[in-house]
Amino acid sequence: MRKKEIALFRVYVWERPVRIYHWLNALCILVLCVTGYLIGNPIVLQHGGNDASMLYFFGWIRFIHFAAAYVFLINFIVRIYWGFVGNQYSDWKNYFPYSKKHFQNMWDVLMVDILMIKKKDIETAGHNAVANFTYFLTFLAFLLSVVTGFGMYSAMSDNWFSSLFHWVIPFFGGDLILRMIHHVTMWFFVVFTIFHVYLVFYHDYVDGSGVLSSMAGGWKFVTKDKFLRKNQKKPEPAKK
C-alpha cells in the first residue's frame, strides 16, 4: 500500500548568530562543568622530580575556567541582544510567559506532546511553548551562574570588571552559600543537557522536521505554510 505523501515546506528558523550562540554555549558549559568540578573536587596528582608543569596543573584549570566564564558571559549578552533584533523565532517574547495565550499553548503541549491525553495539532516551526519556557528557566540559571561565579572571582581579583560583583558575597550571605549555589547551577546544566540531547534526537526521529540539522544549517521542515513570514517568498514544497 502506497503511503500518503505529505507536503513539507522548508523554513529558515535559526539565524546564524543563534546557531553560533548555541554551539559556543554548549562548549562553554562543557568546559565550565569539567573545570568547575575539578576545582570543587581536586584530584590527587603524584609526580616525581621538578616537573613545573604538573605543579601548575590546577593553575591552568582555574585559568581555563575563568576564560570560559568570560566567553560564556559575552555569548549570553549577544544572545539577549539578538532576542530584540533577530527573527520571529529568536524573539525574547517567545521565551517569557507574559500572556494568557502563552500559558494556553504550554497547557496544550503538556496535554498533547508530554502526557498524550489529547489529540491536537500543535506543530510549530520554532520551539513549542514548553520548550521556550524551559529555555527561559535556563536563561535565569545562566544569570545566576554568572553572578555567583563572578562574585566568587571578585574576592581574588582586583580588575575593574570583577569589582562590579563585590556586592554578591554579602548579598547571598557569605562565600559558603555562594559556592553551594554556584555548584547547584552546574548540576542543573548537567541534568538539562541530558534531557535536551535526548529530546532533540527523539523529536528528530519522530517528527522528521530536521530538529537536529537545523542547528547546523538553520532550516526546518513544517507541514503548513502558515509559519512562513508574510514577506518571505514561498519555497517549493518537499515530499516526505
C-alpha atoms as a PDB file:
ATOM      1  CA  MET A   1       0.000   0.000   0.000  1.00  0.00           C
ATOM      2  CA  ARG A   2       1.404   3.373  -1.015  1.00  0.00           C
ATOM      3  CA  LYS A   3       1.975   5.801   1.810  1.00  0.00           C
ATOM      4  CA  LYS A   4       0.253   9.152   1.702  1.00  0.00           C
ATOM      5  CA  GLU A   5       2.563  11.963   0.635  1.00  0.00           C
ATOM      6  CA  ILE A   6       2.832  14.962   2.891  1.00  0.00           C
ATOM      7  CA  ALA A   7       3.906  18.340   1.530  1.00  0.00           C
ATOM      8  CA  LEU A   8       6.668  19.854   3.613  1.00  0.00           C
ATOM      9  CA  PHE A   9       7.778  23.470   3.490  1.00  0.00           C
ATOM     10  CA  ARG A  10      11.358  24.478   4.148  1.00  0.00           C
ATOM     11  CA  VAL A  11      11.535  27.318   6.686  1.00  0.00           C
ATOM     12  CA  TYR A  12      14.618  29.265   7.769  1.00  0.00           C
ATOM     13  CA  VAL A  13      14.229  29.248  11.551  1.00  0.00           C
ATOM     14  CA  TRP A  14      17.567  29.627  13.325  1.00  0.00           C
ATOM     15  CA  GLU A  15      19.713  32.500  12.111  1.00  0.00           C
ATOM     16  CA  ARG A  16      23.500  32.252  12.126  1.00  0.00           C
ATOM     17  CA  PRO A  17      24.029  34.246  15.369  1.00  0.00           C
ATOM     18  CA  VAL A  18      21.596  31.903  17.156  1.00  0.00           C
ATOM     19  CA  ARG A  19      23.409  28.818  15.856  1.00  0.00           C
ATOM     20  CA  ILE A  20      26.813  30.210  16.813  1.00  0.00           C
ATOM     21  CA  TYR A  21      25.473  31.060  20.263  1.00  0.00           C
ATOM     22  CA  HIS A  22      24.069  27.540  20.681  1.00  0.00           C
ATOM     23  CA  TRP A  23      27.284  25.662  19.899  1.00  0.00           C
ATOM     24  CA  LEU A  24      29.579  28.126  21.641  1.00  0.00           C
ATOM     25  CA  ASN A  25      27.325  27.989  24.683  1.00  0.00           C
ATOM     26  CA  ALA A  26      27.407  24.184  24.651  1.00  0.00           C
ATOM     27  CA  LEU A  27      31.223  24.219  24.502  1.00  0.00           C
ATOM     28  CA  CYS A  28      31.475  26.760  27.322  1.00  0.00           C
ATOM     29  CA  ILE A  29      29.117  24.773  29.549  1.00  0.00           C
ATOM     30  CA  LEU A  30      31.115  21.602  28.928  1.00  0.00           C
ATOM     31  CA  VAL A  31      34.408  23.316  29.777  1.00  0.00           C
ATOM     32  CA  LEU A  32      32.945  25.128  32.790  1.00  0.00           C
ATOM     33  CA  CYS A  33      31.351  21.981  34.219  1.00  0.00           C
ATOM     34  CA  VAL A  34      34.507  19.865  33.847  1.00  0.00           C
ATOM     35  CA  THR A  35      36.887  22.504  35.195  1.00  0.00           C
ATOM     36  CA  GLY A  36      34.422  23.595  37.882  1.00  0.00           C
ATOM     37  CA  TYR A  37      34.038  20.033  39.101  1.00  0.00           C
ATOM     38  CA  LEU A  38      37.832  19.654  39.280  1.00  0.00           C
ATOM     39  CA  ILE A  39      38.134  22.917  41.208  1.00  0.00           C
ATOM     40  CA  GLY A  40      35.493  21.796  43.702  1.00  0.00           C
ATOM     41  CA  ASN A  41      36.800  18.214  43.886  1.00  0.00           C
ATOM     42  CA  PRO A  42      40.509  18.329  43.069  1.00  0.00           C
ATOM     43  CA  ILE A  43      42.167  15.093  42.067  1.00  0.00           C
ATOM     44  CA  VAL A  44      45.360  13.873  43.709  1.00  0.00           C
ATOM     45  CA  LEU A  45      48.383  14.059  41.434  1.00  0.00           C
ATOM     46  CA  GLN A  46      51.635  12.258  42.083  1.00  0.00           C
ATOM     47  CA  HIS A  47      54.741  13.359  40.264  1.00  0.00           C
ATOM     48  CA  GLY A  48      58.471  12.997  40.634  1.00  0.00           C
ATOM     49  CA  GLY A  49      61.352  15.331  40.018  1.00  0.00           C
ATOM     50  CA  ASN A  50      60.939  19.003  39.333  1.00  0.00           C
ATOM     51  CA  ASP A  51      58.142  18.958  36.777  1.00  0.00           C
ATOM     52  CA  ALA A  52      56.902  22.541  36.994  1.00  0.00           C
ATOM     53  CA  SER A  53      54.068  21.913  34.530  1.00  0.00           C
ATOM     54  CA  MET A  54      52.467  19.409  36.891  1.00  0.00           C
ATOM     55  CA  LEU A  55      52.910  21.743  39.842  1.00  0.00           C
ATOM     56  CA  TYR A  56      50.831  24.359  37.981  1.00  0.00           C
ATOM     57  CA  PHE A  57      48.183  21.915  36.729  1.00  0.00           C
ATOM     58  CA  PHE A  58      45.362  23.440  38.777  1.00  0.00           C
ATOM     59  CA  GLY A  59      46.545  26.897  37.847  1.00  0.00           C
ATOM     60  CA  TRP A  60      45.700  26.042  34.255  1.00  0.00           C
ATOM     61  CA  ILE A  61      42.391  24.518  35.315  1.00  0.00           C
ATOM     62  CA  ARG A  62      41.432  27.755  37.048  1.00  0.00           C
ATOM     63  CA  PHE A  63      42.614  29.873  34.110  1.00  0.00           C
ATOM     64  CA  ILE A  64      40.583  27.820  31.613  1.00  0.00           C
ATOM     65  CA  HIS A  65      37.535  28.072  33.902  1.00  0.00           C
ATOM     66  CA  PHE A  66      37.812  31.852  34.200  1.00  0.00           C
ATOM     67  CA  ALA A  67      38.458  32.326  30.458  1.00  0.00           C
ATOM     68  CA  ALA A  68      35.456  30.158  29.565  1.00  0.00           C
ATOM     69  CA  ALA A  69      33.347  32.175  32.022  1.00  0.00           C
ATOM     70  CA  TYR A  70      34.137  35.421  30.169  1.00  0.00           C
ATOM     71  CA  VAL A  71      33.296  33.834  26.812  1.00  0.00           C
ATOM     72  CA  PHE A  72      30.096  32.413  28.319  1.00  0.00           C
ATOM     73  CA  LEU A  73      29.056  35.848  29.604  1.00  0.00           C
ATOM     74  CA  ILE A  74      29.787  37.679  26.344  1.00  0.00           C
ATOM     75  CA  ASN A  75      27.970  34.987  24.367  1.00  0.00           C
ATOM     76  CA  PHE A  76      24.978  35.280  26.699  1.00  0.00           C
ATOM     77  CA  ILE A  77      24.854  39.078  26.283  1.00  0.00           C
ATOM     78  CA  VAL A  78      24.929  38.719  22.486  1.00  0.00           C
ATOM     79  CA  ARG A  79      22.030  36.250  22.644  1.00  0.00           C
ATOM     80  CA  ILE A  80      19.971  38.644  24.763  1.00  0.00           C
ATOM     81  CA  TYR A  81      20.652  41.376  22.202  1.00  0.00           C
ATOM     82  CA  TRP A  82      19.613  39.071  19.360  1.00  0.00           C
ATOM     83  CA  GLY A  83      16.351  38.403  21.143  1.00  0.00           C
ATOM     84  CA  PHE A  84      15.414  42.006  20.283  1.00  0.00           C
ATOM     85  CA  VAL A  85      16.792  42.270  16.721  1.00  0.00           C
ATOM     86  CA  GLY A  86      16.528  38.699  15.401  1.00  0.00           C
ATOM     87  CA  ASN A  87      13.715  36.985  13.544  1.00  0.00           C
ATOM     88  CA  GLN A  88      10.390  35.877  14.995  1.00  0.00           C
ATOM     89  CA  TYR A  89      11.759  32.565  16.241  1.00  0.00           C
ATOM     90  CA  SER A  90      14.511  34.137  18.358  1.00  0.00           C
ATOM     91  CA  ASP A  91      12.310  36.914  19.748  1.00  0.00           C
ATOM     92  CA  TRP A  92      12.576  37.263  23.534  1.00  0.00           C
ATOM     93  CA  LYS A  93       8.772  37.362  23.827  1.00  0.00           C
ATOM     94  CA  ASN A  94       8.645  33.677  22.825  1.00  0.00           C
ATOM     95  CA  TYR A  95      10.505  32.693  25.993  1.00  0.00           C
ATOM     96  CA  PHE A  96       8.857  34.886  28.593  1.00  0.00           C
ATOM     97  CA  PRO A  97       5.342  33.684  29.617  1.00  0.00           C
ATOM     98  CA  TYR A  98       3.620  37.056  29.677  1.00  0.00           C
ATOM     99  CA  SER A  99       0.213  36.336  28.121  1.00  0.00           C
ATOM    100  CA  LYS A 100      -2.785  34.066  28.588  1.00  0.00           C
ATOM    101  CA  LYS A 101      -2.216  32.638  25.097  1.00  0.00           C
ATOM    102  CA  HIS A 102       1.313  31.611  26.032  1.00  0.00           C
ATOM    103  CA  PHE A 103       0.092  29.699  29.091  1.00  0.00           C
ATOM    104  CA  GLN A 104      -2.643  28.084  26.986  1.00  0.00           C
ATOM    105  CA  ASN A 105      -0.056  26.929  24.462  1.00  0.00           C
ATOM    106  CA  MET A 106       2.047  25.489  27.281  1.00  0.00           C
ATOM    107  CA  TRP A 107      -1.003  23.595  28.554  1.00  0.00           C
ATOM    108  CA  ASP A 108      -1.718  22.229  25.067  1.00  0.00           C
ATOM    109  CA  VAL A 109       1.847  20.961  24.677  1.00  0.00           C
ATOM    110  CA  LEU A 110       1.669  19.370  28.110  1.00  0.00           C
ATOM    111  CA  MET A 111      -1.608  17.581  27.304  1.00  0.00           C
ATOM    112  CA  VAL A 112      -0.693  16.535  23.756  1.00  0.00           C
ATOM    113  CA  ASP A 113       3.048  16.129  23.476  1.00  0.00           C
ATOM    114  CA  ILE A 114       4.038  15.114  27.011  1.00  0.00           C
ATOM    115  CA  LEU A 115       1.063  13.435  28.728  1.00  0.00           C
ATOM    116  CA  MET A 116      -0.527  12.370  25.395  1.00  0.00           C
ATOM    117  CA  ILE A 117      -4.038  12.886  26.799  1.00  0.00           C
ATOM    118  CA  LYS A 118      -5.420  14.988  23.945  1.00  0.00           C
ATOM    119  CA  LYS A 119      -5.031  14.901  20.183  1.00  0.00           C
ATOM    120  CA  LYS A 120      -4.443  18.330  18.742  1.00  0.00           C
ATOM    121  CA  ASP A 121      -2.280  19.900  16.067  1.00  0.00           C
ATOM    122  CA  ILE A 122       0.410  21.904  17.862  1.00  0.00           C
ATOM    123  CA  GLU A 123       3.062  21.944  15.172  1.00  0.00           C
ATOM    124  CA  THR A 124       5.487  24.853  15.447  1.00  0.00           C
ATOM    125  CA  ALA A 125       8.419  25.858  13.292  1.00  0.00           C
ATOM    126  CA  GLY A 126      10.438  27.083  16.257  1.00  0.00           C
ATOM    127  CA  HIS A 127      10.338  25.785  19.824  1.00  0.00           C
ATOM    128  CA  ASN A 128       6.989  24.867  21.320  1.00  0.00           C
ATOM    129  CA  ALA A 129       5.675  26.832  24.319  1.00  0.00           C
ATOM    130  CA  VAL A 130       7.003  24.388  26.947  1.00  0.00           C
ATOM    131  CA  ALA A 131      10.445  24.301  25.345  1.00  0.00           C
ATOM    132  CA  ASN A 132      10.509  28.095  25.217  1.00  0.00           C
ATOM    133  CA  PHE A 133       9.630  28.314  28.913  1.00  0.00           C
ATOM    134  CA  THR A 134      12.333  25.748  29.704  1.00  0.00           C
ATOM    135  CA  TYR A 135      14.878  27.885  27.896  1.00  0.00           C
ATOM    136  CA  PHE A 136      13.622  30.875  29.862  1.00  0.00           C
ATOM    137  CA  LEU A 137      14.499  28.964  33.044  1.00  0.00           C
ATOM    138  CA  THR A 138      17.936  28.144  31.641  1.00  0.00           C
ATOM    139  CA  PHE A 139      18.482  31.863  30.959  1.00  0.00           C
ATOM    140  CA  LEU A 140      17.746  32.517  34.634  1.00  0.00           C
ATOM    141  CA  ALA A 141      20.181  29.738  35.558  1.00  0.00           C
ATOM    142  CA  PHE A 142      22.781  31.311  33.253  1.00  0.00           C
ATOM    143  CA  LEU A 143      22.316  34.636  35.019  1.00  0.00           C
ATOM    144  CA  LEU A 144      22.560  33.048  38.475  1.00  0.00           C
ATOM    145  CA  SER A 145      25.672  31.128  37.471  1.00  0.00           C
ATOM    146  CA  VAL A 146      27.348  34.271  36.107  1.00  0.00           C
ATOM    147  CA  VAL A 147      26.516  36.378  39.173  1.00  0.00           C
ATOM    148  CA  THR A 148      27.643  33.763  41.713  1.00  0.00           C
ATOM    149  CA  GLY A 149      30.724  32.814  39.706  1.00  0.00           C
ATOM    150  CA  PHE A 150      31.987  36.347  39.240  1.00  0.00           C
ATOM    151  CA  GLY A 151      31.015  37.088  42.833  1.00  0.00           C
ATOM    152  CA  MET A 152      33.485  34.449  44.000  1.00  0.00           C
ATOM    153  CA  TYR A 153      36.034  35.646  41.467  1.00  0.00           C
ATOM    154  CA  SER A 154      35.796  39.219  42.781  1.00  0.00           C
ATOM    155  CA  ALA A 155      37.311  38.091  46.095  1.00  0.00           C
ATOM    156  CA  MET A 156      40.564  37.080  44.368  1.00  0.00           C
ATOM    157  CA  SER A 157      40.811  39.645  41.572  1.00  0.00           C
ATOM    158  CA  ASP A 158      41.256  43.406  41.550  1.00  0.00           C
ATOM    159  CA  ASN A 159      40.357  44.181  37.914  1.00  0.00           C
ATOM    160  CA  TRP A 160      37.574  46.678  37.243  1.00  0.00           C
ATOM    161  CA  PHE A 161      35.080  44.154  35.933  1.00  0.00           C
ATOM    162  CA  SER A 162      35.263  41.726  38.846  1.00  0.00           C
ATOM    163  CA  SER A 163      34.985  44.665  41.262  1.00  0.00           C
ATOM    164  CA  LEU A 164      31.436  45.140  39.954  1.00  0.00           C
ATOM    165  CA  PHE A 165      30.496  41.926  41.768  1.00  0.00           C
ATOM    166  CA  HIS A 166      31.845  42.757  45.252  1.00  0.00           C
ATOM    167  CA  TRP A 167      28.261  43.051  46.485  1.00  0.00           C
ATOM    168  CA  VAL A 168      27.393  39.458  45.614  1.00  0.00           C
ATOM    169  CA  ILE A 169      29.038  37.653  48.572  1.00  0.00           C
ATOM    170  CA  PRO A 170      27.324  39.695  51.326  1.00  0.00           C
ATOM    171  CA  PHE A 171      24.047  39.701  49.363  1.00  0.00           C
ATOM    172  CA  PHE A 172      23.912  35.880  49.335  1.00  0.00           C
ATOM    173  CA  GLY A 173      25.003  35.598  52.952  1.00  0.00           C
ATOM    174  CA  GLY A 174      28.615  34.555  52.624  1.00  0.00           C
ATOM    175  CA  ASP A 175      31.121  32.722  50.481  1.00  0.00           C
ATOM    176  CA  LEU A 176      29.994  29.225  51.530  1.00  0.00           C
ATOM    177  CA  ILE A 177      26.373  29.725  50.411  1.00  0.00           C
ATOM    178  CA  LEU A 178      27.570  31.374  47.218  1.00  0.00           C
ATOM    179  CA  ARG A 179      29.742  28.368  46.344  1.00  0.00           C
ATOM    180  CA  MET A 180      26.892  25.973  47.062  1.00  0.00           C
ATOM    181  CA  ILE A 181      24.511  27.875  44.763  1.00  0.00           C
ATOM    182  CA  HIS A 182      27.144  28.014  42.026  1.00  0.00           C
ATOM    183  CA  HIS A 183      27.715  24.270  42.404  1.00  0.00           C
ATOM    184  CA  VAL A 184      23.972  23.539  42.157  1.00  0.00           C
ATOM    185  CA  THR A 185      23.711  25.520  38.913  1.00  0.00           C
ATOM    186  CA  MET A 186      26.445  23.297  37.468  1.00  0.00           C
ATOM    187  CA  TRP A 187      24.365  20.176  38.134  1.00  0.00           C
ATOM    188  CA  PHE A 188      21.311  21.934  36.684  1.00  0.00           C
ATOM    189  CA  PHE A 189      23.216  22.324  33.410  1.00  0.00           C
ATOM    190  CA  VAL A 190      24.310  18.683  33.519  1.00  0.00           C
ATOM    191  CA  VAL A 191      20.750  17.399  34.004  1.00  0.00           C
ATOM    192  CA  PHE A 192      19.354  19.838  31.435  1.00  0.00           C
ATOM    193  CA  THR A 193      21.920  18.723  28.849  1.00  0.00           C
ATOM    194  CA  ILE A 194      20.992  15.057  29.304  1.00  0.00           C
ATOM    195  CA  PHE A 195      17.268  15.748  28.729  1.00  0.00           C
ATOM    196  CA  HIS A 196      17.993  18.243  25.955  1.00  0.00           C
ATOM    197  CA  VAL A 197      20.095  15.812  23.918  1.00  0.00           C
ATOM    198  CA  TYR A 198      17.566  13.003  24.399  1.00  0.00           C
ATOM    199  CA  LEU A 199      14.596  15.146  23.302  1.00  0.00           C
ATOM    200  CA  VAL A 200      16.449  16.519  20.276  1.00  0.00           C
ATOM    201  CA  PHE A 201      17.183  13.034  18.948  1.00  0.00           C
ATOM    202  CA  TYR A 202      13.684  11.833  19.880  1.00  0.00           C
ATOM    203  CA  HIS A 203      11.855  14.621  18.057  1.00  0.00           C
ATOM    204  CA  ASP A 204      14.255  14.472  15.129  1.00  0.00           C
ATOM    205  CA  TYR A 205      13.315  10.805  14.677  1.00  0.00           C
ATOM    206  CA  VAL A 206       9.568  11.091  15.402  1.00  0.00           C
ATOM    207  CA  ASP A 207       8.756  14.429  13.737  1.00  0.00           C
ATOM    208  CA  GLY A 208      11.223  14.277  10.869  1.00  0.00           C
ATOM    209  CA  SER A 209      11.303  18.078  10.812  1.00  0.00           C
ATOM    210  CA  GLY A 210      15.069  18.429  10.885  1.00  0.00           C
ATOM    211  CA  VAL A 211      15.412  19.466  14.527  1.00  0.00           C
ATOM    212  CA  LEU A 212      18.979  18.211  14.767  1.00  0.00           C
ATOM    213  CA  SER A 213      20.229  19.532  11.437  1.00  0.00           C
ATOM    214  CA  SER A 214      18.509  22.887  11.971  1.00  0.00           C
ATOM    215  CA  MET A 215      21.214  23.873  14.435  1.00  0.00           C
ATOM    216  CA  ALA A 216      23.772  23.354  11.689  1.00  0.00           C
ATOM    217  CA  GLY A 217      22.049  24.944   8.705  1.00  0.00           C
ATOM    218  CA  GLY A 218      19.145  26.825  10.281  1.00  0.00           C
ATOM    219  CA  TRP A 219      16.404  25.180   8.188  1.00  0.00           C
ATOM    220  CA  LYS A 220      13.453  23.110   9.399  1.00  0.00           C
ATOM    221  CA  PHE A 221      10.503  21.468   7.669  1.00  0.00           C
ATOM    222  CA  VAL A 222       6.849  22.083   8.519  1.00  0.00           C
ATOM    223  CA  THR A 223       3.660  20.709   7.015  1.00  0.00           C
ATOM    224  CA  LYS A 224       1.913  24.061   6.900  1.00  0.00           C
ATOM    225  CA  ASP A 225       2.943  27.284   5.252  1.00  0.00           C
ATOM    226  CA  LYS A 226       1.331  29.453   7.925  1.00  0.00           C
ATOM    227  CA  PHE A 227       4.697  29.539   9.722  1.00  0.00           C
ATOM    228  CA  LEU A 228       6.338  31.365   6.836  1.00  0.00           C
ATOM    229  CA  ARG A 229       6.727  35.068   7.104  1.00  0.00           C
ATOM    230  CA  LYS A 230       4.310  37.096   5.050  1.00  0.00           C
ATOM    231  CA  ASN A 231       7.138  38.874   3.248  1.00  0.00           C
ATOM    232  CA  GLN A 232       9.029  35.661   2.589  1.00  0.00           C
ATOM    233  CA  LYS A 233       8.798  34.005  -0.785  1.00  0.00           C
ATOM    234  CA  LYS A 234       7.019  30.681  -0.562  1.00  0.00           C
ATOM    235  CA  PRO A 235       9.529  27.884  -1.185  1.00  0.00           C
ATOM    236  CA  GLU A 236       8.963  24.783  -3.181  1.00  0.00           C
ATOM    237  CA  PRO A 237       7.420  22.027  -1.045  1.00  0.00           C
ATOM    238  CA  ALA A 238       9.466  18.913  -0.374  1.00  0.00           C
ATOM    239  CA  LYS A 239       7.877  15.487  -0.432  1.00  0.00           C
ATOM    240  CA  LYS A 240       8.122  13.168   2.538  1.00  0.00           C
END
